[in-house]
Protein backbone atom coordinates (compact mmCIF):
# COMPACT_ATOMS: atom_id res chain seq x y z
CA MET A 1 -29.22 11.64 0.43
CA GLU A 2 -27.79 13.67 -2.64
CA ALA A 3 -24.47 12.72 -4.15
CA LEU A 4 -21.88 15.11 -3.25
CA GLU A 5 -21.15 17.43 -6.61
CA ALA A 6 -17.51 18.55 -6.30
CA ALA A 7 -16.22 18.71 -9.93
CA ALA A 8 -14.15 21.83 -9.53
CA GLY A 9 -12.27 23.20 -6.61
CA GLU A 10 -12.29 22.30 -2.74
CA VAL A 11 -15.07 20.60 -0.76
CA PRO A 12 -16.41 22.16 2.30
CA LYS A 13 -15.60 20.05 5.37
CA GLU A 14 -19.18 20.64 6.23
CA GLU A 15 -20.24 18.46 3.33
CA ILE A 16 -17.52 15.60 3.97
CA GLU A 17 -19.40 15.48 7.68
CA LYS A 18 -22.67 15.31 6.11
CA LEU A 19 -21.46 12.40 4.10
CA PHE A 20 -19.78 10.55 7.12
CA LYS A 21 -22.85 11.21 9.55
CA ALA A 22 -25.05 9.51 6.44
CA GLN A 23 -23.15 6.48 6.37
CA ARG A 24 -22.79 6.23 10.05
CA ASP A 25 -26.45 6.52 10.70
CA ALA A 26 -26.81 3.89 7.75
CA PHE A 27 -24.12 1.50 9.46
CA HIS A 28 -25.72 1.47 12.41
CA ALA A 29 -29.12 0.75 11.21
CA GLU A 30 -28.05 -2.07 9.28
CA LEU A 31 -25.95 -4.31 12.11
CA PRO A 32 -25.15 -6.90 12.08
CA VAL A 33 -23.73 -6.68 8.39
CA SER A 34 -24.58 -10.13 6.90
CA TYR A 35 -22.24 -12.03 4.66
CA GLU A 36 -24.53 -11.55 1.63
CA ALA A 37 -24.71 -7.67 2.10
CA ARG A 38 -20.82 -7.40 2.43
CA MET A 39 -20.42 -9.72 -0.56
CA ASP A 40 -23.21 -7.58 -2.70
CA ARG A 41 -21.04 -4.71 -2.20
CA ILE A 42 -17.80 -6.34 -3.17
CA ASN A 43 -19.01 -7.93 -6.32
CA ARG A 44 -20.65 -4.32 -7.23
CA THR A 45 -17.12 -2.78 -6.78
CA ALA A 46 -15.70 -5.48 -9.08
CA GLN A 47 -18.14 -5.26 -11.89
CA MET A 48 -17.98 -1.72 -12.03
CA ILE A 49 -14.54 -2.09 -12.91
CA ILE A 50 -14.97 -4.80 -15.43
CA ASP A 51 -17.88 -2.87 -16.96
CA HIS A 52 -15.99 0.26 -17.51
CA GLN A 53 -12.28 -1.14 -17.95
CA ASP A 54 -11.90 0.56 -21.31
CA ALA A 55 -12.99 4.22 -20.06
CA LEU A 56 -11.08 3.75 -17.03
CA CYS A 57 -8.02 2.87 -18.87
CA GLU A 58 -8.59 6.05 -21.35
CA ALA A 59 -9.02 8.40 -18.62
CA VAL A 60 -6.05 7.32 -16.66
CA SER A 61 -4.01 7.51 -19.58
CA ASN A 62 -5.21 11.06 -20.47
CA ASP A 63 -4.53 11.91 -16.78
CA PHE A 64 -0.74 11.00 -16.91
CA GLY A 65 -0.57 12.30 -20.75
CA HIS A 66 0.14 8.81 -21.51
CA ARG A 67 -0.19 5.62 -19.66
CA SER A 68 0.20 2.12 -21.06
CA SER A 69 -3.63 0.70 -20.98
CA VAL A 70 -2.04 -2.83 -20.68
CA GLN A 71 -0.42 -1.81 -17.68
CA THR A 72 -3.39 0.06 -16.25
CA ALA A 73 -5.63 -3.28 -16.74
CA MET A 74 -2.79 -5.35 -15.21
CA THR A 75 -1.88 -3.11 -12.29
CA ASP A 76 -5.19 -1.66 -11.46
CA LEU A 77 -8.08 -3.12 -12.66
CA MET A 78 -7.17 -6.76 -12.17
CA SER A 79 -6.06 -6.26 -8.84
CA VAL A 80 -9.52 -5.04 -7.85
CA VAL A 81 -11.20 -7.91 -9.54
CA GLY A 82 -8.55 -10.11 -8.11
CA HIS A 83 -9.29 -8.98 -4.34
CA ALA A 84 -13.19 -9.56 -4.96
CA LYS A 85 -12.37 -13.23 -6.10
CA ASP A 86 -10.29 -13.59 -2.75
CA HIS A 87 -12.88 -12.35 -0.85
CA LYS A 88 -15.47 -14.65 -2.66
CA LYS A 89 -13.33 -17.30 -1.64
CA ASN A 90 -12.26 -16.74 1.73
CA LEU A 91 -14.66 -14.30 3.62
CA LYS A 92 -17.00 -16.42 5.03
CA LYS A 93 -13.98 -18.23 6.90
CA TRP A 94 -12.53 -14.94 7.92
CA MET A 95 -15.94 -13.87 9.39
CA ARG A 96 -16.10 -16.90 11.93
CA PRO A 97 -15.76 -15.93 15.50
CA GLU A 98 -12.56 -17.70 16.73
CA LYS A 99 -12.97 -19.70 19.95
CA ARG A 100 -9.97 -19.09 22.59
CA LYS A 101 -8.89 -20.80 25.62
CA MET A 102 -9.72 -19.82 28.87
CA ASP A 103 -7.33 -19.60 31.75
CA PHE A 104 -7.35 -22.51 34.38
CA PRO A 105 -9.46 -23.37 36.47
CA LEU A 106 -12.13 -21.22 34.74
CA ASN A 107 -11.91 -23.43 31.62
CA LEU A 108 -12.69 -26.21 33.89
CA LEU A 109 -15.62 -24.45 35.53
CA GLY A 110 -17.73 -24.03 32.33
CA ALA A 111 -16.28 -20.38 31.23
CA SER A 112 -15.91 -19.84 27.44
CA GLY A 113 -14.37 -16.97 25.15
CA GLN A 114 -14.10 -15.98 21.66
CA VAL A 115 -13.10 -13.29 19.38
CA GLU A 116 -15.75 -11.80 16.92
CA TYR A 117 -14.45 -9.57 14.58
CA GLN A 118 -16.98 -6.82 13.87
CA PRO A 119 -16.86 -3.81 11.36
CA LYS A 120 -15.55 -0.28 12.62
CA GLY A 121 -18.35 1.75 10.80
CA VAL A 122 -17.22 4.17 8.24
CA VAL A 123 -13.75 3.97 6.64
CA GLY A 124 -12.16 7.00 4.69
CA VAL A 125 -9.70 6.40 2.17
CA ILE A 126 -7.02 8.84 0.58
CA ALA A 127 -5.79 7.51 -2.84
CA PRO A 128 -3.02 8.52 -4.68
CA TRP A 129 -2.30 9.38 -8.21
CA ASN A 130 -0.01 6.60 -9.27
CA PHE A 131 -2.40 3.54 -9.35
CA PRO A 132 -5.56 5.77 -8.69
CA ILE A 133 -7.99 2.67 -9.32
CA ASN A 134 -6.06 -0.11 -7.61
CA LEU A 135 -5.22 2.10 -4.55
CA ALA A 136 -8.66 3.44 -4.05
CA PHE A 137 -10.86 0.25 -4.52
CA ASP A 138 -8.50 -2.60 -3.28
CA PRO A 139 -8.88 -0.87 0.13
CA ALA A 140 -12.33 -0.42 -0.28
CA ILE A 141 -13.19 -4.00 -1.05
CA GLY A 142 -10.94 -4.86 2.22
CA ALA A 143 -13.21 -2.46 4.30
CA PHE A 144 -16.47 -3.75 2.64
CA GLY A 145 -15.14 -7.17 3.59
CA ALA A 146 -15.01 -6.10 7.24
CA GLY A 147 -18.63 -4.72 6.93
CA ASN A 148 -17.94 -1.23 6.64
CA ARG A 149 -19.01 1.65 4.45
CA VAL A 150 -16.49 3.97 2.33
CA ILE A 151 -15.79 7.48 1.57
CA ILE A 152 -12.82 7.80 -0.95
CA LYS A 153 -10.78 11.08 -1.42
CA PHE A 154 -9.64 10.68 -5.13
CA SER A 155 -6.57 12.57 -5.93
CA GLU A 156 -6.49 15.73 -7.79
CA PHE A 157 -3.69 14.80 -9.87
CA CYS A 158 -6.07 12.45 -11.84
CA PRO A 159 -8.93 14.96 -12.59
CA GLU A 160 -10.56 13.06 -15.43
CA THR A 161 -10.11 9.58 -13.53
CA GLY A 162 -11.74 11.21 -10.26
CA GLU A 163 -14.97 12.66 -12.32
CA LEU A 164 -15.50 9.15 -14.13
CA VAL A 165 -15.01 7.07 -10.93
CA LYS A 166 -17.07 9.60 -8.77
CA LYS A 167 -19.94 9.32 -11.47
CA LEU A 168 -19.87 5.49 -11.61
CA VAL A 169 -19.59 5.20 -8.04
CA ALA A 170 -22.98 7.19 -7.63
CA GLU A 171 -24.20 4.68 -10.13
CA TYR A 172 -23.30 1.62 -8.58
CA PHE A 173 -24.03 2.37 -4.98
CA ALA A 174 -26.12 4.25 -2.91
CA PRO A 175 -23.88 7.38 -1.23
CA GLU A 176 -24.82 5.75 2.14
CA GLU A 177 -22.50 2.69 1.16
CA MET A 178 -19.82 4.26 -0.80
CA THR A 179 -19.06 7.49 -2.44
CA VAL A 180 -16.18 9.89 -3.71
CA ILE A 181 -14.99 13.14 -3.69
CA THR A 182 -12.57 15.09 -5.32
CA GLY A 183 -10.76 18.32 -4.50
CA GLY A 184 -7.07 19.47 -3.75
CA PRO A 185 -5.15 20.00 -0.65
CA GLU A 186 -7.72 22.05 1.35
CA THR A 187 -10.08 19.30 1.00
CA GLY A 188 -7.72 16.50 1.88
CA LYS A 189 -6.77 18.50 5.11
CA ALA A 190 -10.47 18.59 5.84
CA PHE A 191 -11.26 14.92 5.21
CA SER A 192 -7.89 14.03 7.44
CA GLU A 193 -9.94 15.72 10.19
CA ILE A 194 -13.10 13.83 10.20
CA PRO A 195 -13.50 11.47 13.02
CA TRP A 196 -13.27 8.22 10.88
CA ASP A 197 -13.75 4.62 12.30
CA HIS A 198 -10.60 3.82 10.34
CA LEU A 199 -8.47 6.08 8.04
CA ILE A 200 -6.04 4.54 5.27
CA PHE A 201 -3.72 7.06 3.64
CA THR A 202 -1.21 6.22 0.65
CA GLY A 203 1.38 8.52 -0.03
CA GLY A 204 4.48 10.35 0.69
CA GLY A 205 5.62 10.47 4.37
CA GLY A 206 5.61 14.27 4.55
CA ILE A 207 1.91 14.39 4.05
CA ALA A 208 1.50 11.44 5.94
CA LYS A 209 2.44 13.53 9.04
CA HIS A 210 0.18 15.73 8.96
CA VAL A 211 -2.69 13.25 8.04
CA MET A 212 -1.60 11.41 11.21
CA ALA A 213 -1.58 14.44 13.06
CA ALA A 214 -5.37 15.23 12.33
CA ALA A 215 -6.52 12.06 12.95
CA ALA A 216 -4.65 11.92 16.42
CA LYS A 217 -6.98 14.79 17.47
CA ASN A 218 -9.99 12.23 17.24
CA LEU A 219 -7.84 9.24 17.95
CA THR A 220 -8.71 7.76 14.65
CA PRO A 221 -6.82 4.54 13.99
CA VAL A 222 -4.86 4.82 10.84
CA THR A 223 -3.16 2.52 8.06
CA LEU A 224 -0.42 4.40 6.23
CA GLU A 225 1.22 3.27 2.92
CA LEU A 226 4.11 5.10 2.37
CA GLY A 227 6.66 3.83 0.17
CA GLY A 228 10.41 5.09 0.34
CA LYS A 229 13.94 3.90 -1.08
CA SER A 230 13.27 0.05 -1.65
CA PRO A 231 16.78 -1.51 -2.02
CA THR A 232 17.20 -4.26 -4.48
CA ILE A 233 20.34 -6.40 -3.64
CA ILE A 234 21.92 -8.63 -6.65
CA GLY A 235 23.73 -11.18 -4.50
CA PRO A 236 27.14 -12.56 -5.49
CA ASP A 237 25.72 -15.63 -7.28
CA ALA A 238 22.98 -14.17 -8.77
CA ASP A 239 22.14 -14.83 -12.54
CA VAL A 240 22.94 -11.20 -14.09
CA GLN A 241 20.85 -11.72 -17.16
CA LYS A 242 17.51 -13.06 -15.19
CA SER A 243 18.11 -10.44 -12.21
CA THR A 244 18.60 -7.49 -14.60
CA GLN A 245 15.50 -8.35 -16.92
CA ARG A 246 13.05 -8.81 -13.79
CA ILE A 247 14.46 -5.31 -12.31
CA ALA A 248 14.46 -3.58 -15.70
CA MET A 249 10.58 -4.72 -15.81
CA GLY A 250 10.06 -3.57 -12.44
CA LYS A 251 11.77 -0.19 -12.61
CA MET A 252 10.18 0.67 -16.21
CA MET A 253 6.67 -0.20 -15.28
CA ASN A 254 4.62 2.87 -14.84
CA ALA A 255 7.87 4.83 -15.48
CA GLY A 256 8.91 3.62 -11.99
CA GLN A 257 6.02 5.63 -10.57
CA ILE A 258 5.32 2.82 -8.06
CA CYS A 259 5.84 2.80 -4.41
CA LEU A 260 7.37 -0.56 -4.41
CA ALA A 261 9.56 -0.02 -7.48
CA PRO A 262 13.55 -0.97 -7.25
CA ASP A 263 14.94 2.49 -5.94
CA TYR A 264 18.52 1.81 -5.91
CA LEU A 265 20.76 -1.26 -6.74
CA LEU A 266 23.30 -2.79 -4.45
CA VAL A 267 25.70 -5.11 -6.45
CA PRO A 268 29.09 -7.07 -6.19
CA HIS A 269 31.67 -4.41 -7.13
CA ASP A 270 33.35 -7.06 -9.92
CA LYS A 271 29.94 -7.21 -11.65
CA GLU A 272 28.69 -3.63 -11.87
CA ASP A 273 29.61 -2.87 -15.32
CA ALA A 274 27.92 -6.38 -16.61
CA ILE A 275 24.76 -5.36 -14.34
CA VAL A 276 24.30 -1.92 -16.00
CA GLU A 277 24.83 -3.34 -19.29
CA GLY A 278 21.88 -6.07 -18.61
CA ILE A 279 19.66 -3.15 -17.57
CA ALA A 280 20.52 -1.23 -20.38
CA SER A 281 20.03 -4.60 -22.80
CA ASN A 282 16.81 -5.45 -20.94
CA VAL A 283 15.35 -1.95 -21.17
CA ALA A 284 16.21 -1.73 -24.86
CA GLU A 285 14.57 -5.18 -25.38
CA GLN A 286 11.45 -4.27 -23.69
CA TYR A 287 10.98 -0.70 -24.84
CA PRO A 288 12.83 -0.55 -28.38
CA THR A 289 11.47 3.06 -28.58
CA MET A 290 9.74 4.98 -25.93
CA ILE A 291 8.32 8.60 -27.05
CA ALA A 292 5.58 6.98 -29.19
CA ASN A 293 5.39 3.70 -27.72
CA ASP A 294 2.16 2.64 -26.35
CA ASP A 295 3.62 0.35 -23.43
CA TYR A 296 5.74 2.91 -22.08
CA THR A 297 4.00 5.43 -19.62
CA SER A 298 4.69 9.15 -19.00
CA VAL A 299 5.73 10.96 -15.99
CA ILE A 300 2.60 12.50 -14.43
CA ASN A 301 3.43 16.00 -14.69
CA GLY A 302 5.97 18.53 -15.78
CA ARG A 303 6.64 19.40 -12.13
CA HIS A 304 7.32 15.72 -11.31
CA LYS A 305 9.76 15.37 -14.57
CA GLU A 306 11.95 18.68 -13.28
CA ARG A 307 12.12 17.07 -10.00
CA LEU A 308 13.33 14.15 -11.22
CA GLN A 309 15.87 15.59 -13.74
CA GLY A 310 17.09 17.75 -10.68
CA LEU A 311 17.92 14.51 -8.99
CA ILE A 312 20.17 13.51 -12.07
CA ASP A 313 21.59 16.82 -12.27
CA ASP A 314 22.57 17.03 -8.45
CA ALA A 315 24.19 13.45 -8.66
CA VAL A 316 25.98 14.30 -11.96
CA ALA A 317 27.38 17.70 -10.50
CA LYS A 318 28.43 15.60 -7.35
CA GLY A 319 30.42 12.93 -9.29
CA ALA A 320 28.33 10.58 -10.33
CA LYS A 321 28.43 8.63 -13.80
CA GLN A 322 25.11 8.78 -15.86
CA THR A 323 24.02 6.26 -18.51
CA VAL A 324 20.76 7.24 -20.24
CA VAL A 325 18.95 4.23 -21.81
CA ASN A 326 17.71 5.63 -24.80
CA PRO A 327 17.58 2.53 -27.36
CA GLY A 328 15.96 4.47 -30.02
CA ASP A 329 18.24 7.80 -29.66
CA GLU A 330 15.18 9.80 -29.45
CA ASP A 331 14.99 13.32 -28.64
CA PHE A 332 12.98 13.89 -25.52
CA SER A 333 13.62 17.60 -25.69
CA ASN A 334 11.83 18.26 -29.02
CA THR A 335 8.56 16.81 -27.34
CA ASN A 336 5.55 17.92 -25.52
CA SER A 337 5.54 14.62 -23.68
CA ASN A 338 6.72 14.13 -20.18
CA LYS A 339 8.04 10.95 -20.96
CA MET A 340 11.78 9.87 -19.76
CA PRO A 341 14.43 7.48 -20.67
CA LEU A 342 16.04 5.68 -17.88
CA THR A 343 18.94 6.98 -16.39
CA VAL A 344 21.43 4.67 -14.74
CA LEU A 345 23.58 6.54 -12.03
CA GLN A 346 26.92 4.97 -11.22
CA ASN A 347 29.42 6.18 -8.25
CA VAL A 348 26.70 7.47 -6.01
CA ASN A 349 26.95 8.51 -2.43
CA ASP A 350 24.58 9.73 0.11
CA ASP A 351 25.64 13.38 -0.21
CA MET A 352 23.48 13.18 -3.34
CA ARG A 353 19.67 13.72 -3.38
CA VAL A 354 19.00 10.83 -5.34
CA MET A 355 20.22 8.90 -2.30
CA GLN A 356 18.23 10.48 -0.27
CA GLU A 357 14.73 11.13 -1.49
CA GLU A 358 12.41 8.67 -2.76
CA ILE A 359 12.88 8.49 -6.61
CA PHE A 360 9.54 7.68 -7.98
CA GLY A 361 10.60 7.86 -11.56
CA PRO A 362 13.23 6.31 -14.04
CA VAL A 363 16.25 7.08 -12.31
CA LEU A 364 18.44 4.24 -11.10
CA PRO A 365 21.43 4.54 -8.63
CA VAL A 366 23.88 1.74 -8.55
CA LYS A 367 25.85 1.14 -5.30
CA THR A 368 28.73 -1.35 -5.18
CA TYR A 369 29.55 -3.75 -2.25
CA ARG A 370 32.38 -6.22 -1.24
CA ASN A 371 30.49 -8.24 0.96
CA LEU A 372 27.00 -8.83 2.32
CA ASP A 373 27.74 -7.52 5.68
CA GLU A 374 28.41 -4.25 4.15
CA VAL A 375 25.03 -4.36 2.30
CA ILE A 376 23.11 -5.30 5.43
CA ASP A 377 24.69 -2.46 7.34
CA TYR A 378 23.87 0.19 4.54
CA VAL A 379 20.09 -1.04 4.51
CA ASN A 380 20.03 -0.76 8.32
CA ASP A 381 21.42 2.60 8.58
CA HIS A 382 18.65 3.86 6.55
CA ASP A 383 14.93 4.19 7.07
CA ARG A 384 13.13 0.80 6.79
CA PRO A 385 11.80 0.42 3.24
CA LEU A 386 8.30 -0.47 2.11
CA GLY A 387 10.13 -3.42 -0.16
CA LEU A 388 13.27 -5.24 -0.35
CA TYR A 389 14.48 -7.47 -2.75
CA TYR A 390 16.96 -10.01 -3.22
CA PHE A 391 18.56 -11.78 -6.06
CA GLY A 392 20.65 -15.09 -5.31
CA GLU A 393 20.58 -18.80 -5.15
CA THR A 394 22.67 -19.54 -1.91
CA GLU A 395 19.98 -20.18 0.82
CA SER A 396 22.39 -18.98 3.90
CA ASP A 397 22.78 -15.66 2.06
CA LYS A 398 18.98 -15.05 1.65
CA ARG A 399 18.49 -16.17 5.19
CA LYS A 400 21.30 -13.52 6.31
CA VAL A 401 19.57 -10.94 4.60
CA LEU A 402 15.83 -11.85 5.41
CA ASP A 403 17.12 -12.16 9.14
CA ARG A 404 19.38 -8.89 9.49
CA THR A 405 17.13 -6.34 7.93
CA ILE A 406 13.64 -5.10 8.50
CA SER A 407 11.44 -4.02 5.49
CA GLY A 408 7.75 -3.93 4.95
CA GLY A 409 7.87 -7.18 2.71
CA VAL A 410 10.39 -8.82 0.62
CA THR A 411 10.20 -10.50 -2.92
CA VAL A 412 13.11 -12.86 -3.57
CA ASN A 413 14.57 -13.09 -7.16
CA ASP A 414 12.25 -10.65 -8.53
CA VAL A 415 10.58 -7.26 -7.40
CA ILE A 416 7.24 -6.02 -6.38
CA PHE A 417 5.26 -9.57 -6.69
CA HIS A 418 4.63 -9.83 -3.19
CA ILE A 419 2.00 -7.34 -3.48
CA ALA A 420 0.13 -9.45 -6.01
CA GLN A 421 0.00 -12.39 -3.60
CA HIS A 422 -3.56 -11.73 -1.77
CA ASP A 423 -2.91 -13.99 1.03
CA LEU A 424 0.04 -11.88 2.09
CA PRO A 425 0.04 -8.60 4.14
CA PHE A 426 0.86 -5.45 2.39
CA GLY A 427 2.06 -2.71 4.22
CA GLY A 428 5.45 -0.89 5.74
CA VAL A 429 7.27 -0.36 8.70
CA GLY A 430 8.36 2.68 10.07
CA PRO A 431 8.97 5.53 7.98
CA SER A 432 7.35 3.29 4.83
CA GLY A 433 4.03 2.88 7.05
CA MET A 434 2.12 1.19 9.49
CA GLY A 435 -0.65 -1.43 9.28
CA ALA A 436 -1.32 -3.66 6.57
CA TYR A 437 -4.23 -4.66 4.01
CA THR A 438 -5.20 -7.36 1.56
CA GLY A 439 -6.61 -10.93 2.46
CA PRO A 440 -7.05 -11.89 6.21
CA ASP A 441 -4.83 -9.08 7.38
CA GLY A 442 -6.69 -6.56 5.59
CA PHE A 443 -10.06 -8.07 7.20
CA LYS A 444 -8.28 -7.73 10.73
CA GLU A 445 -7.43 -4.06 9.82
CA PHE A 446 -10.53 -3.12 9.07
CA SER A 447 -12.49 -5.09 11.80
CA HIS A 448 -12.48 -4.69 15.62
CA ALA A 449 -11.74 -7.78 17.44
CA LYS A 450 -14.21 -7.97 19.95
CA ALA A 451 -13.48 -10.46 23.05
CA ILE A 452 -16.30 -11.94 24.37
CA TYR A 453 -16.24 -14.08 27.72
CA ARG A 454 -19.13 -16.15 29.30
CA GLN A 455 -19.08 -16.54 33.01
CA PRO A 456 -19.88 -19.87 34.19
CA LYS A 457 -23.00 -20.21 36.51
CA ILE A 458 -20.84 -20.80 39.73
CA ASN A 459 -19.45 -17.70 41.83
CA VAL A 460 -16.10 -17.49 40.54
CA ALA A 461 -15.12 -14.34 42.44
CA LYS A 462 -16.04 -15.98 45.62
CA ILE A 463 -14.23 -19.11 45.22
CA ALA A 464 -11.35 -17.47 44.18
CA GLY A 465 -11.08 -14.89 46.93
CA PHE A 466 -11.65 -12.07 44.25
CA LEU A 467 -14.71 -11.07 46.31
CA PRO A 468 -14.26 -9.03 49.62
CA PRO A 469 -13.74 -9.09 52.40
CA TYR A 470 -10.29 -10.90 51.49
CA GLY A 471 -9.14 -13.84 53.49
CA ALA A 472 -7.60 -17.63 53.17
CA ALA A 473 -9.00 -18.07 49.45
CA THR A 474 -7.66 -14.61 48.37
CA ASP A 475 -4.20 -16.00 49.60
CA LYS A 476 -4.40 -19.11 48.27
CA THR A 477 -5.10 -17.63 44.66
CA LEU A 478 -2.16 -15.43 45.18
CA LYS A 479 0.44 -18.03 46.12
CA GLN A 480 -0.57 -19.98 43.07
CA GLN A 481 -0.44 -17.33 40.47
CA MET A 482 2.44 -15.69 41.52
CA LYS A 483 4.95 -18.70 40.50
CA LEU A 484 6.54 -19.10 37.26
């Protein structure tokens, strides 16, 4: 089978169907998929990243206009290699059948049962632009670990990275194992309409609704990782310096273009000024300058930059106070770069777009509160977020926030870090997504849990009265079972 050529323009649905069928046929021919075959594909994925890390970092940076190569290495490449190592350590354990207890009295009569995790088949991966390597190949490794084949739809907003990745995957894999296609919205639409054995989409909720609607026509199971507005709560007893340093790092990484970025702050009313000053001073320490600073990433394109500026302008017009954190006092208007400084917004309210839309950039609204019950009510009155962050030391306060709010995941006394733990599931809830991957949860997400029951030699149906004609044995069974 020839690798798909899709350097420019859209990819016809017929071509994607050919790729899907070839992988499906190869998958069925290989069953059962051995541990060795799974790890071979995982190791090749990681080795591909290791062998070409410099080229990948350069391509991603070019697509962004500028992106920190160190951040690409840490957040994109290191994540993929880490997932491979986690599978190397744990995959044999995950693959083992799970023995289950059989109901009385069948357990005494010799019945047995177990769950075997069987691969689903061909997994489609729709990857976004913000972490194009990580969010394409982390799911691919999870799919390989479960014994599947993979087809990746790369984001059209990363054309240079997409072409490089497509070329590398074709060198390291047969197209029946894994292949990459590029293309724009029409390709994405066609991709969603394929009858995948599983489909994972990472991106915005608006597009996710179309993806899910297309998948529903084939009853395709989906994993959706969608982001949203992740609240960051600074508790009454939080260390302001420690909190603001960590928030600044998380917010400014990738210029805030992270699905798990701190979207807005909820802070004690009597600490608001100190917290805003702490954010500004820590950003200045981490990024003394920005325009020519290799460590600071650009906004992906001019359209996204205009959208972010529109959020700021709308908030200011409706009464918000803005603080532009520009440590080097640089002129961002007199440059071809799409880099933006951080803008902190105070006195915000829900009539402002910045408090309605996922920000996905270097804009940070700050809301004040007088007690934690007020905070919890505010969070619960809004869409359930992908992440929630709490800073504070009092255990009862932490427990109150954890118990009374619902989010995809939580990091306590830092931000974002829960996604970096391979043994924790990563996923959203409600508007922020469904399903989870990474680690054992990813293995199960991309597997079918097949129930297997082995009947004993004795005629159970006759003894229990299940076999017609019904009579005394039937009555006895019903009488026994219809009791609590």
